Amino acid sequence: MLSVGVAMVVGLGLATGVAGAASARGDTGGQAAVAAADFWYLHSSYNRQAACEAAAQLYLWPSNPGGADDYECRSEGGRWNLWLGFLS
């Protein structure tokens, strides 16, 4: 049970870092969504950045009604992790 709590705290710290990194990208559309994103979710991991970005498109609104408002592909441990950002 303790590991679940630690994972949640670590996840919250990583999510904050994701929001900061996404804001620094300079994407005009992404900045507004990231600034307002209330929740970041680690969705999946890919071997290549291009694969991560292609997969993200499947989960974004408006292509996917009810989908994510923003995404970030982050290089971690030699793989690319797909983080999805949601507004409340």
PDB file of N, CA and C in Angstrom:
ATOM      1  N   MET A   1       0.823  -1.175   0.000  1.00  0.00           N
ATOM      2  CA  MET A   1       0.000   0.000   0.000  1.00  0.00           C
ATOM      3  C   MET A   1       0.874   1.248   0.000  1.00  0.00           C
ATOM      4  N   LEU A   2       1.986   1.205   0.719  1.00  0.00           N
ATOM      5  CA  LEU A   2       2.884   2.344   0.771  1.00  0.00           C
ATOM      6  C   LEU A   2       3.437   2.652  -0.610  1.00  0.00           C
ATOM      7  N   SER A   3       3.739   1.616  -1.396  1.00  0.00           N
ATOM      8  CA  SER A   3       4.284   1.849  -2.735  1.00  0.00           C
ATOM      9  C   SER A   3       3.281   2.562  -3.631  1.00  0.00           C
ATOM     10  N   VAL A   4       2.002   2.312  -3.445  1.00  0.00           N
ATOM     11  CA  VAL A   4       0.983   3.005  -4.233  1.00  0.00           C
ATOM     12  C   VAL A   4       0.990   4.487  -3.891  1.00  0.00           C
ATOM     13  N   GLY A   5       1.076   4.812  -2.604  1.00  0.00           N
ATOM     14  CA  GLY A   5       1.125   6.214  -2.184  1.00  0.00           C
ATOM     15  C   GLY A   5       2.359   6.916  -2.707  1.00  0.00           C
ATOM     16  N   VAL A   6       3.503   6.235  -2.644  1.00  0.00           N
ATOM     17  CA  VAL A   6       4.746   6.806  -3.154  1.00  0.00           C
ATOM     18  C   VAL A   6       4.647   7.010  -4.654  1.00  0.00           C
ATOM     19  N   ALA A   7       4.081   6.051  -5.366  1.00  0.00           N
ATOM     20  CA  ALA A   7       3.926   6.178  -6.815  1.00  0.00           C
ATOM     21  C   ALA A   7       3.031   7.359  -7.162  1.00  0.00           C
ATOM     22  N   MET A   8       1.988   7.583  -6.379  1.00  0.00           N
ATOM     23  CA  MET A   8       1.095   8.707  -6.651  1.00  0.00           C
ATOM     24  C   MET A   8       1.810  10.037  -6.437  1.00  0.00           C
ATOM     25  N   VAL A   9       2.605  10.119  -5.361  1.00  0.00           N
ATOM     26  CA  VAL A   9       3.336  11.356  -5.090  1.00  0.00           C
ATOM     27  C   VAL A   9       4.376  11.593  -6.171  1.00  0.00           C
ATOM     28  N   VAL A  10       5.113  10.560  -6.564  1.00  0.00           N
ATOM     29  CA  VAL A  10       6.102  10.680  -7.628  1.00  0.00           C
ATOM     30  C   VAL A  10       5.408  11.052  -8.926  1.00  0.00           C
ATOM     31  N   GLY A  11       4.275  10.428  -9.209  1.00  0.00           N
ATOM     32  CA  GLY A  11       3.523  10.734 -10.425  1.00  0.00           C
ATOM     33  C   GLY A  11       3.078  12.179 -10.467  1.00  0.00           C
ATOM     34  N   LEU A  12       2.649  12.719  -9.338  1.00  0.00           N
ATOM     35  CA  LEU A  12       2.244  14.120  -9.285  1.00  0.00           C
ATOM     36  C   LEU A  12       3.425  15.028  -9.565  1.00  0.00           C
ATOM     37  N   GLY A  13       4.583  14.678  -9.039  1.00  0.00           N
ATOM     38  CA  GLY A  13       5.779  15.475  -9.298  1.00  0.00           C
ATOM     39  C   GLY A  13       6.162  15.431 -10.762  1.00  0.00           C
ATOM     40  N   LEU A  14       6.063  14.265 -11.374  1.00  0.00           N
ATOM     41  CA  LEU A  14       6.371  14.139 -12.790  1.00  0.00           C
ATOM     42  C   LEU A  14       5.364  14.893 -13.634  1.00  0.00           C
ATOM     43  N   ALA A  15       4.109  14.830 -13.259  1.00  0.00           N
ATOM     44  CA  ALA A  15       3.083  15.531 -14.029  1.00  0.00           C
ATOM     45  C   ALA A  15       3.320  17.028 -14.024  1.00  0.00           C
ATOM     46  N   THR A  16       3.762  17.567 -12.904  1.00  0.00           N
ATOM     47  CA  THR A  16       4.073  18.990 -12.838  1.00  0.00           C
ATOM     48  C   THR A  16       5.230  19.299 -13.766  1.00  0.00           C
ATOM     49  N   GLY A  17       6.237  18.423 -13.803  1.00  0.00           N
ATOM     50  CA  GLY A  17       7.364  18.611 -14.708  1.00  0.00           C
ATOM     51  C   GLY A  17       6.935  18.541 -16.152  1.00  0.00           C
ATOM     52  N   VAL A  18       5.998  17.683 -16.466  1.00  0.00           N
ATOM     53  CA  VAL A  18       5.491  17.565 -17.835  1.00  0.00           C
ATOM     54  C   VAL A  18       4.830  18.865 -18.242  1.00  0.00           C
ATOM     55  N   ALA A  19       4.021  19.418 -17.366  1.00  0.00           N
ATOM     56  CA  ALA A  19       3.331  20.664 -17.698  1.00  0.00           C
ATOM     57  C   ALA A  19       4.330  21.770 -17.947  1.00  0.00           C
ATOM     58  N   GLY A  20       5.380  21.829 -17.133  1.00  0.00           N
ATOM     59  CA  GLY A  20       6.393  22.857 -17.332  1.00  0.00           C
ATOM     60  C   GLY A  20       7.138  22.657 -18.632  1.00  0.00           C
ATOM     61  N   ALA A  21       7.469  21.418 -18.956  1.00  0.00           N
ATOM     62  CA  ALA A  21       8.190  21.138 -20.195  1.00  0.00           C
ATOM     63  C   ALA A  21       7.331  21.451 -21.406  1.00  0.00           C
ATOM     64  N   ALA A  22       6.059  21.121 -21.329  1.00  0.00           N
ATOM     65  CA  ALA A  22       5.173  21.386 -22.458  1.00  0.00           C
ATOM     66  C   ALA A  22       4.999  22.886 -22.660  1.00  0.00           C
ATOM     67  N   SER A  23       4.938  23.647 -21.589  1.00  0.00           N
ATOM     68  CA  SER A  23       4.800  25.092 -21.711  1.00  0.00           C
ATOM     69  C   SER A  23       6.026  25.699 -22.375  1.00  0.00           C
ATOM     70  N   ALA A  24       7.168  25.105 -22.145  1.00  0.00           N
ATOM     71  CA  ALA A  24       8.407  25.631 -22.704  1.00  0.00           C
ATOM     72  C   ALA A  24       8.569  25.293 -24.182  1.00  0.00           C
ATOM     73  N   ARG A  25       7.708  24.438 -24.729  1.00  0.00           N
ATOM     74  CA  ARG A  25       7.819  24.042 -26.134  1.00  0.00           C
ATOM     75  C   ARG A  25       7.648  25.216 -27.072  1.00  0.00           C
ATOM     76  N   GLY A  26       6.822  26.158 -26.694  1.00  0.00           N
ATOM     77  CA  GLY A  26       6.564  27.291 -27.556  1.00  0.00           C
ATOM     78  C   GLY A  26       5.410  27.066 -28.512  1.00  0.00           C
ATOM     79  N   ASP A  27       4.683  25.986 -28.384  1.00  0.00           N
ATOM     80  CA  ASP A  27       3.505  25.743 -29.212  1.00  0.00           C
ATOM     81  C   ASP A  27       2.396  26.669 -28.725  1.00  0.00           C
ATOM     82  N   THR A  28       1.901  27.487 -29.594  1.00  0.00           N
ATOM     83  CA  THR A  28       0.870  28.436 -29.195  1.00  0.00           C
ATOM     84  C   THR A  28      -0.365  27.722 -28.679  1.00  0.00           C
ATOM     85  N   GLY A  29      -0.831  26.710 -29.412  1.00  0.00           N
ATOM     86  CA  GLY A  29      -2.021  25.987 -28.985  1.00  0.00           C
ATOM     87  C   GLY A  29      -1.782  25.189 -27.728  1.00  0.00           C
ATOM     88  N   GLY A  30      -0.614  24.605 -27.590  1.00  0.00           N
ATOM     89  CA  GLY A  30      -0.310  23.767 -26.447  1.00  0.00           C
ATOM     90  C   GLY A  30      -0.188  24.549 -25.159  1.00  0.00           C
ATOM     91  N   GLN A  31       0.290  25.786 -25.237  1.00  0.00           N
ATOM     92  CA  GLN A  31       0.508  26.558 -24.021  1.00  0.00           C
ATOM     93  C   GLN A  31      -0.791  26.841 -23.283  1.00  0.00           C
ATOM     94  N   ALA A  32      -1.823  27.196 -23.999  1.00  0.00           N
ATOM     95  CA  ALA A  32      -3.095  27.500 -23.341  1.00  0.00           C
ATOM     96  C   ALA A  32      -3.643  26.262 -22.647  1.00  0.00           C
ATOM     97  N   ALA A  33      -3.574  25.122 -23.320  1.00  0.00           N
ATOM     98  CA  ALA A  33      -4.098  23.891 -22.740  1.00  0.00           C
ATOM     99  C   ALA A  33      -3.251  23.451 -21.552  1.00  0.00           C
ATOM    100  N   VAL A  34      -1.934  23.562 -21.672  1.00  0.00           N
ATOM    101  CA  VAL A  34      -1.057  23.126 -20.590  1.00  0.00           C
ATOM    102  C   VAL A  34      -1.243  24.005 -19.370  1.00  0.00           C
ATOM    103  N   ALA A  35      -1.361  25.296 -19.581  1.00  0.00           N
ATOM    104  CA  ALA A  35      -1.525  26.209 -18.458  1.00  0.00           C
ATOM    105  C   ALA A  35      -2.793  25.872 -17.681  1.00  0.00           C
ATOM    106  N   ALA A  36      -3.819  25.403 -18.360  1.00  0.00           N
ATOM    107  CA  ALA A  36      -5.088  25.111 -17.712  1.00  0.00           C
ATOM    108  C   ALA A  36      -5.264  23.629 -17.392  1.00  0.00           C
ATOM    109  N   ALA A  37      -4.361  22.766 -17.859  1.00  0.00           N
ATOM    110  CA  ALA A  37      -4.502  21.331 -17.619  1.00  0.00           C
ATOM    111  C   ALA A  37      -4.493  21.057 -16.118  1.00  0.00           C
ATOM    112  N   ASP A  38      -5.483  20.318 -15.686  1.00  0.00           N
ATOM    113  CA  ASP A  38      -5.611  20.006 -14.266  1.00  0.00           C
ATOM    114  C   ASP A  38      -5.064  18.620 -13.921  1.00  0.00           C
ATOM    115  N   PHE A  39      -4.908  17.799 -14.918  1.00  0.00           N
ATOM    116  CA  PHE A  39      -4.532  16.413 -14.666  1.00  0.00           C
ATOM    117  C   PHE A  39      -3.679  15.897 -15.816  1.00  0.00           C
ATOM    118  N   TRP A  40      -2.562  15.255 -15.491  1.00  0.00           N
ATOM    119  CA  TRP A  40      -1.704  14.614 -16.496  1.00  0.00           C
ATOM    120  C   TRP A  40      -1.680  13.126 -16.214  1.00  0.00           C
ATOM    121  N   TYR A  41      -1.786  12.344 -17.261  1.00  0.00           N
ATOM    122  CA  TYR A  41      -1.891  10.888 -17.155  1.00  0.00           C
ATOM    123  C   TYR A  41      -0.827  10.248 -18.031  1.00  0.00           C
ATOM    124  N   LEU A  42       0.008   9.384 -17.438  1.00  0.00           N
ATOM    125  CA  LEU A  42       1.000   8.627 -18.209  1.00  0.00           C
ATOM    126  C   LEU A  42       0.266   7.497 -18.905  1.00  0.00           C
ATOM    127  N   HIS A  43       0.156   7.581 -20.215  1.00  0.00           N
ATOM    128  CA  HIS A  43      -0.663   6.629 -20.970  1.00  0.00           C
ATOM    129  C   HIS A  43       0.111   5.402 -21.408  1.00  0.00           C
ATOM    130  N   SER A  44       1.250   5.588 -22.094  1.00  0.00           N
ATOM    131  CA  SER A  44       1.970   4.458 -22.656  1.00  0.00           C
ATOM    132  C   SER A  44       3.397   4.864 -22.991  1.00  0.00           C
ATOM    133  N   SER A  45       4.184   3.899 -23.460  1.00  0.00           N
ATOM    134  CA  SER A  45       5.597   4.117 -23.751  1.00  0.00           C
ATOM    135  C   SER A  45       5.929   3.544 -25.132  1.00  0.00           C
ATOM    136  N   TYR A  46       6.803   4.235 -25.849  1.00  0.00           N
ATOM    137  CA  TYR A  46       7.141   3.853 -27.226  1.00  0.00           C
ATOM    138  C   TYR A  46       8.656   3.866 -27.427  1.00  0.00           C
ATOM    139  N   ASN A  47       9.120   3.120 -28.431  1.00  0.00           N
ATOM    140  CA  ASN A  47      10.545   3.070 -28.732  1.00  0.00           C
ATOM    141  C   ASN A  47      11.033   4.315 -29.469  1.00  0.00           C
ATOM    142  N   ARG A  48      10.142   4.987 -30.209  1.00  0.00           N
ATOM    143  CA  ARG A  48      10.535   6.149 -31.004  1.00  0.00           C
ATOM    144  C   ARG A  48       9.609   7.331 -30.729  1.00  0.00           C
ATOM    145  N   GLN A  49      10.151   8.527 -30.829  1.00  0.00           N
ATOM    146  CA  GLN A  49       9.367   9.735 -30.614  1.00  0.00           C
ATOM    147  C   GLN A  49       8.239   9.846 -31.635  1.00  0.00           C
ATOM    148  N   ALA A  50       8.531   9.518 -32.888  1.00  0.00           N
ATOM    149  CA  ALA A  50       7.510   9.599 -33.941  1.00  0.00           C
ATOM    150  C   ALA A  50       6.325   8.685 -33.627  1.00  0.00           C
ATOM    151  N   ALA A  51       6.595   7.505 -33.088  1.00  0.00           N
ATOM    152  CA  ALA A  51       5.517   6.581 -32.728  1.00  0.00           C
ATOM    153  C   ALA A  51       4.685   7.141 -31.577  1.00  0.00           C
ATOM    154  N   CYS A  52       5.344   7.780 -30.629  1.00  0.00           N
ATOM    155  CA  CYS A  52       4.647   8.403 -29.499  1.00  0.00           C
ATOM    156  C   CYS A  52       3.731   9.513 -29.989  1.00  0.00           C
ATOM    157  N   GLU A  53       4.251  10.378 -30.854  1.00  0.00           N
ATOM    158  CA  GLU A  53       3.459  11.494 -31.360  1.00  0.00           C
ATOM    159  C   GLU A  53       2.292  11.023 -32.230  1.00  0.00           C
ATOM    160  N   ALA A  54       2.518   9.983 -33.019  1.00  0.00           N
ATOM    161  CA  ALA A  54       1.438   9.444 -33.845  1.00  0.00           C
ATOM    162  C   ALA A  54       0.332   8.855 -32.970  1.00  0.00           C
ATOM    163  N   ALA A  55       0.717   8.144 -31.923  1.00  0.00           N
ATOM    164  CA  ALA A  55      -0.270   7.553 -31.014  1.00  0.00           C
ATOM    165  C   ALA A  55      -1.058   8.642 -30.288  1.00  0.00           C
ATOM    166  N   ALA A  56      -0.411   9.733 -29.936  1.00  0.00           N
ATOM    167  CA  ALA A  56      -1.078  10.820 -29.212  1.00  0.00           C
ATOM    168  C   ALA A  56      -2.250  11.374 -30.010  1.00  0.00           C
ATOM    169  N   GLN A  57      -2.114  11.425 -31.310  1.00  0.00           N
ATOM    170  CA  GLN A  57      -3.174  11.991 -32.153  1.00  0.00           C
ATOM    171  C   GLN A  57      -4.484  11.217 -32.017  1.00  0.00           C
ATOM    172  N   LEU A  58      -4.394   9.941 -31.699  1.00  0.00           N
ATOM    173  CA  LEU A  58      -5.592   9.112 -31.539  1.00  0.00           C
ATOM    174  C   LEU A  58      -6.397   9.482 -30.292  1.00  0.00           C
ATOM    175  N   TYR A  59      -5.720  10.108 -29.322  1.00  0.00           N
ATOM    176  CA  TYR A  59      -6.352  10.375 -28.031  1.00  0.00           C
ATOM    177  C   TYR A  59      -6.719  11.831 -27.814  1.00  0.00           C
ATOM    178  N   LEU A  60      -6.457  12.705 -28.782  1.00  0.00           N
ATOM    179  CA  LEU A  60      -6.708  14.129 -28.613  1.00  0.00           C
ATOM    180  C   LEU A  60      -8.111  14.532 -29.032  1.00  0.00           C
ATOM    181  N   TRP A  61      -8.683  15.489 -28.294  1.00  0.00           N
ATOM    182  CA  TRP A  61      -9.915  16.124 -28.670  1.00  0.00           C
ATOM    183  C   TRP A  61      -9.575  17.154 -29.738  1.00  0.00           C
ATOM    184  N   PRO A  62     -10.306  17.390 -30.768  1.00  0.00           N
ATOM    185  CA  PRO A  62     -11.666  16.949 -31.064  1.00  0.00           C
ATOM    186  C   PRO A  62     -11.733  15.667 -31.885  1.00  0.00           C
ATOM    187  N   SER A  63     -10.584  15.142 -32.326  1.00  0.00           N
ATOM    188  CA  SER A  63     -10.601  13.879 -33.081  1.00  0.00           C
ATOM    189  C   SER A  63     -11.238  12.763 -32.279  1.00  0.00           C
ATOM    190  N   ASN A  64     -11.018  12.789 -30.981  1.00  0.00           N
ATOM    191  CA  ASN A  64     -11.546  11.791 -30.068  1.00  0.00           C
ATOM    192  C   ASN A  64     -12.432  12.527 -29.055  1.00  0.00           C
ATOM    193  N   PRO A  65     -13.744  12.567 -29.269  1.00  0.00           N
ATOM    194  CA  PRO A  65     -14.628  13.259 -28.318  1.00  0.00           C
ATOM    195  C   PRO A  65     -14.412  12.734 -26.899  1.00  0.00           C
ATOM    196  N   GLY A  66     -14.216  13.640 -25.978  1.00  0.00           N
ATOM    197  CA  GLY A  66     -13.932  13.249 -24.597  1.00  0.00           C
ATOM    198  C   GLY A  66     -12.471  12.927 -24.382  1.00  0.00           C
ATOM    199  N   GLY A  67     -11.653  13.145 -25.405  1.00  0.00           N
ATOM    200  CA  GLY A  67     -10.234  12.809 -25.324  1.00  0.00           C
ATOM    201  C   GLY A  67      -9.409  13.877 -24.620  1.00  0.00           C
ATOM    202  N   ALA A  68      -8.105  13.701 -24.680  1.00  0.00           N
ATOM    203  CA  ALA A  68      -7.158  14.592 -24.012  1.00  0.00           C
ATOM    204  C   ALA A  68      -7.144  15.972 -24.668  1.00  0.00           C
ATOM    205  N   ASP A  69      -6.785  16.965 -23.879  1.00  0.00           N
ATOM    206  CA  ASP A  69      -6.695  18.335 -24.373  1.00  0.00           C
ATOM    207  C   ASP A  69      -5.287  18.679 -24.862  1.00  0.00           C
ATOM    208  N   ASP A  70      -4.283  17.951 -24.399  1.00  0.00           N
ATOM    209  CA  ASP A  70      -2.900  18.182 -24.803  1.00  0.00           C
ATOM    210  C   ASP A  70      -2.108  16.903 -24.551  1.00  0.00           C
ATOM    211  N   TYR A  71      -0.895  16.874 -25.070  1.00  0.00           N
ATOM    212  CA  TYR A  71      -0.033  15.716 -24.837  1.00  0.00           C
ATOM    213  C   TYR A  71       1.416  16.161 -24.774  1.00  0.00           C
ATOM    214  N   GLU A  72       2.250  15.292 -24.250  1.00  0.00           N
ATOM    215  CA  GLU A  72       3.691  15.508 -24.222  1.00  0.00           C
ATOM    216  C   GLU A  72       4.365  14.153 -24.373  1.00  0.00           C
ATOM    217  N   CYS A  73       5.311  14.054 -25.296  1.00  0.00           N
ATOM    218  CA  CYS A  73       6.140  12.863 -25.444  1.00  0.00           C
ATOM    219  C   CYS A  73       7.477  13.172 -24.797  1.00  0.00           C
ATOM    220  N   ARG A  74       7.801  12.449 -23.738  1.00  0.00           N
ATOM    221  CA  ARG A  74       9.033  12.718 -22.990  1.00  0.00           C
ATOM    222  C   ARG A  74       9.963  11.529 -23.060  1.00  0.00           C
ATOM    223  N   SER A  75      11.221  11.815 -23.303  1.00  0.00           N
ATOM    224  CA  SER A  75      12.248  10.777 -23.344  1.00  0.00           C
ATOM    225  C   SER A  75      12.629  10.416 -21.914  1.00  0.00           C
ATOM    226  N   GLU A  76      12.431   9.152 -21.566  1.00  0.00           N
ATOM    227  CA  GLU A  76      12.761   8.672 -20.229  1.00  0.00           C
ATOM    228  C   GLU A  76      13.264   7.237 -20.334  1.00  0.00           C
ATOM    229  N   GLY A  77      14.469   7.015 -19.889  1.00  0.00           N
ATOM    230  CA  GLY A  77      15.026   5.672 -19.865  1.00  0.00           C
ATOM    231  C   GLY A  77      15.175   5.037 -21.235  1.00  0.00           C
ATOM    232  N   GLY A  78      15.465   5.840 -22.255  1.00  0.00           N
ATOM    233  CA  GLY A  78      15.659   5.297 -23.593  1.00  0.00           C
ATOM    234  C   GLY A  78      14.370   5.038 -24.361  1.00  0.00           C
ATOM    235  N   ARG A  79      13.242   5.377 -23.772  1.00  0.00           N
ATOM    236  CA  ARG A  79      11.947   5.216 -24.441  1.00  0.00           C
ATOM    237  C   ARG A  79      11.208   6.546 -24.399  1.00  0.00           C
ATOM    238  N   TRP A  80      10.103   6.640 -25.110  1.00  0.00           N
ATOM    239  CA  TRP A  80       9.293   7.853 -25.160  1.00  0.00           C
ATOM    240  C   TRP A  80       7.966   7.590 -24.473  1.00  0.00           C
ATOM    241  N   ASN A  81       7.719   8.324 -23.385  1.00  0.00           N
ATOM    242  CA  ASN A  81       6.476   8.172 -22.631  1.00  0.00           C
ATOM    243  C   ASN A  81       5.454   9.196 -23.097  1.00  0.00           C
ATOM    244  N   LEU A  82       4.237   8.727 -23.343  1.00  0.00           N
ATOM    245  CA  LEU A  82       3.137   9.574 -23.769  1.00  0.00           C
ATOM    246  C   LEU A  82       2.343  10.002 -22.541  1.00  0.00           C
ATOM    247  N   TRP A  83       2.357  11.318 -22.264  1.00  0.00           N
ATOM    248  CA  TRP A  83       1.571  11.911 -21.187  1.00  0.00           C
ATOM    249  C   TRP A  83       0.408  12.644 -21.825  1.00  0.00           C
ATOM    250  N   LEU A  84      -0.790  12.411 -21.336  1.00  0.00           N
ATOM    251  CA  LEU A  84      -1.979  13.088 -21.831  1.00  0.00           C
ATOM    252  C   LEU A  84      -2.458  14.072 -20.770  1.00  0.00           C
ATOM    253  N   GLY A  85      -2.783  15.295 -21.198  1.00  0.00           N
ATOM    254  CA  GLY A  85      -3.247  16.342 -20.296  1.00  0.00           C
ATOM    255  C   GLY A  85      -4.724  16.601 -20.469  1.00  0.00           C
ATOM    256  N   PHE A  86      -5.428  16.761 -19.365  1.00  0.00           N
ATOM    257  CA  PHE A  86      -6.882  16.958 -19.379  1.00  0.00           C
ATOM    258  C   PHE A  86      -7.270  18.206 -18.594  1.00  0.00           C
ATOM    259  N   LEU A  87      -8.264  18.905 -19.090  1.00  0.00           N
ATOM    260  CA  LEU A  87      -8.864  20.024 -18.373  1.00  0.00           C
ATOM    261  C   LEU A  87     -10.044  19.486 -17.570  1.00  0.00           C
ATOM    262  N   SER A  88     -10.348  20.121 -16.472  1.00  0.00           N
ATOM    263  CA  SER A  88     -11.509  19.647 -15.712  1.00  0.00           C
ATOM    264  C   SER A  88     -12.752  20.414 -16.078  1.00  0.00           C
TER     265      SER A  88
END
